[in-house]
């Protein structure tokens, strides 16, 4: 099982999927900002996959969809 597949498994089992993805990003030396109020675009980059959206949750969901598609395609 590769790292991306393991992260997807961990996310699928997590009570808080965004927090699971956040932990994975930080464990790989990435950056995850603590958000205050405001608006903008949030981006998640991990294992060459980029997810983005107007919130952490939507960006995480986008990353999960794209990473899952890559894993399925590689089988």
Protein backbone atom coordinates (compact mmCIF):
# COMPACT_ATOMS: atom_id res chain seq x y z
CA UNK A 1 0.00 0.00 0.00
CA UNK A 2 1.48 3.37 -0.97
CA UNK A 3 1.38 6.51 1.16
CA UNK A 4 -1.53 8.10 -0.69
CA UNK A 5 -3.60 4.93 -0.36
CA UNK A 6 -2.83 4.78 3.36
CA UNK A 7 -3.90 8.39 3.84
CA UNK A 8 -7.17 7.67 2.03
CA UNK A 9 -7.76 4.64 4.29
CA UNK A 10 -7.01 6.73 7.37
CA UNK A 11 -9.38 9.48 6.18
CA UNK A 12 -12.17 6.98 5.49
CA UNK A 13 -11.91 5.67 9.06
CA UNK A 14 -11.60 9.09 10.72
CA UNK A 15 -14.39 10.77 12.62
CA UNK A 16 -12.99 14.08 11.32
CA UNK A 17 -11.68 13.57 7.74
CA UNK A 18 -10.36 17.14 7.45
CA UNK A 19 -8.30 16.67 10.60
CA UNK A 20 -6.96 13.35 9.28
CA UNK A 21 -5.87 15.04 6.04
CA UNK A 22 -4.39 17.95 8.02
CA UNK A 23 -2.32 15.47 10.07
CA UNK A 24 -1.10 13.77 6.90
CA UNK A 25 -0.04 17.08 5.33
CA UNK A 26 1.80 18.14 8.49
CA UNK A 27 3.49 14.72 8.85
CA UNK A 28 4.95 15.18 5.37
CA UNK A 29 6.43 18.55 6.32
CA UNK A 30 3.63 20.54 4.74
CA UNK A 31 1.83 23.63 5.96
CA UNK A 32 -1.77 23.86 7.15
CA UNK A 33 -2.86 27.34 8.23
CA UNK A 34 -5.03 27.98 11.24
CA UNK A 35 -7.91 29.95 9.82
CA UNK A 36 -9.48 32.96 11.40
CA UNK A 37 -12.35 34.80 9.84
CA UNK A 38 -12.25 35.92 6.26
CA UNK A 39 -12.72 34.54 2.81
CA UNK A 40 -10.47 33.20 0.14
CA UNK A 41 -9.34 29.98 -1.48
CA UNK A 42 -7.90 27.06 0.43
CA UNK A 43 -5.51 24.63 -1.27
CA UNK A 44 -4.33 21.18 -0.17
CA UNK A 45 -1.26 19.67 -1.82
CA UNK A 46 -0.13 16.18 -0.88
CA UNK A 47 1.62 13.50 -2.95
CA UNK A 48 1.32 15.62 -6.07
CA UNK A 49 -2.46 15.89 -5.79
CA UNK A 50 -4.02 19.33 -5.40
CA UNK A 51 -7.45 19.98 -3.93
CA UNK A 52 -8.93 23.43 -3.60
CA UNK A 53 -12.08 25.18 -2.53
CA UNK A 54 -13.51 28.08 -0.55
CA UNK A 55 -13.05 26.25 2.78
CA UNK A 56 -10.78 23.66 4.33
CA UNK A 57 -13.55 21.06 4.19
CA UNK A 58 -14.31 21.61 0.50
CA UNK A 59 -10.60 21.62 -0.41
CA UNK A 60 -10.13 18.40 1.57
CA UNK A 61 -13.12 16.82 -0.18
CA UNK A 62 -11.68 17.85 -3.55
CA UNK A 63 -8.30 16.33 -2.64
CA UNK A 64 -9.99 13.09 -1.52
CA UNK A 65 -11.96 12.80 -4.79
CA UNK A 66 -8.88 13.42 -6.94
CA UNK A 67 -6.58 11.14 -4.90
CA UNK A 68 -9.20 8.35 -4.94
CA UNK A 69 -9.49 8.62 -8.72
CA UNK A 70 -5.71 8.34 -9.10
CA UNK A 71 -5.55 5.28 -6.83
CA UNK A 72 -8.38 3.59 -8.75
CA UNK A 73 -6.69 4.42 -12.06
CA UNK A 74 -3.38 2.95 -10.92
CA UNK A 75 -4.90 -0.45 -10.06
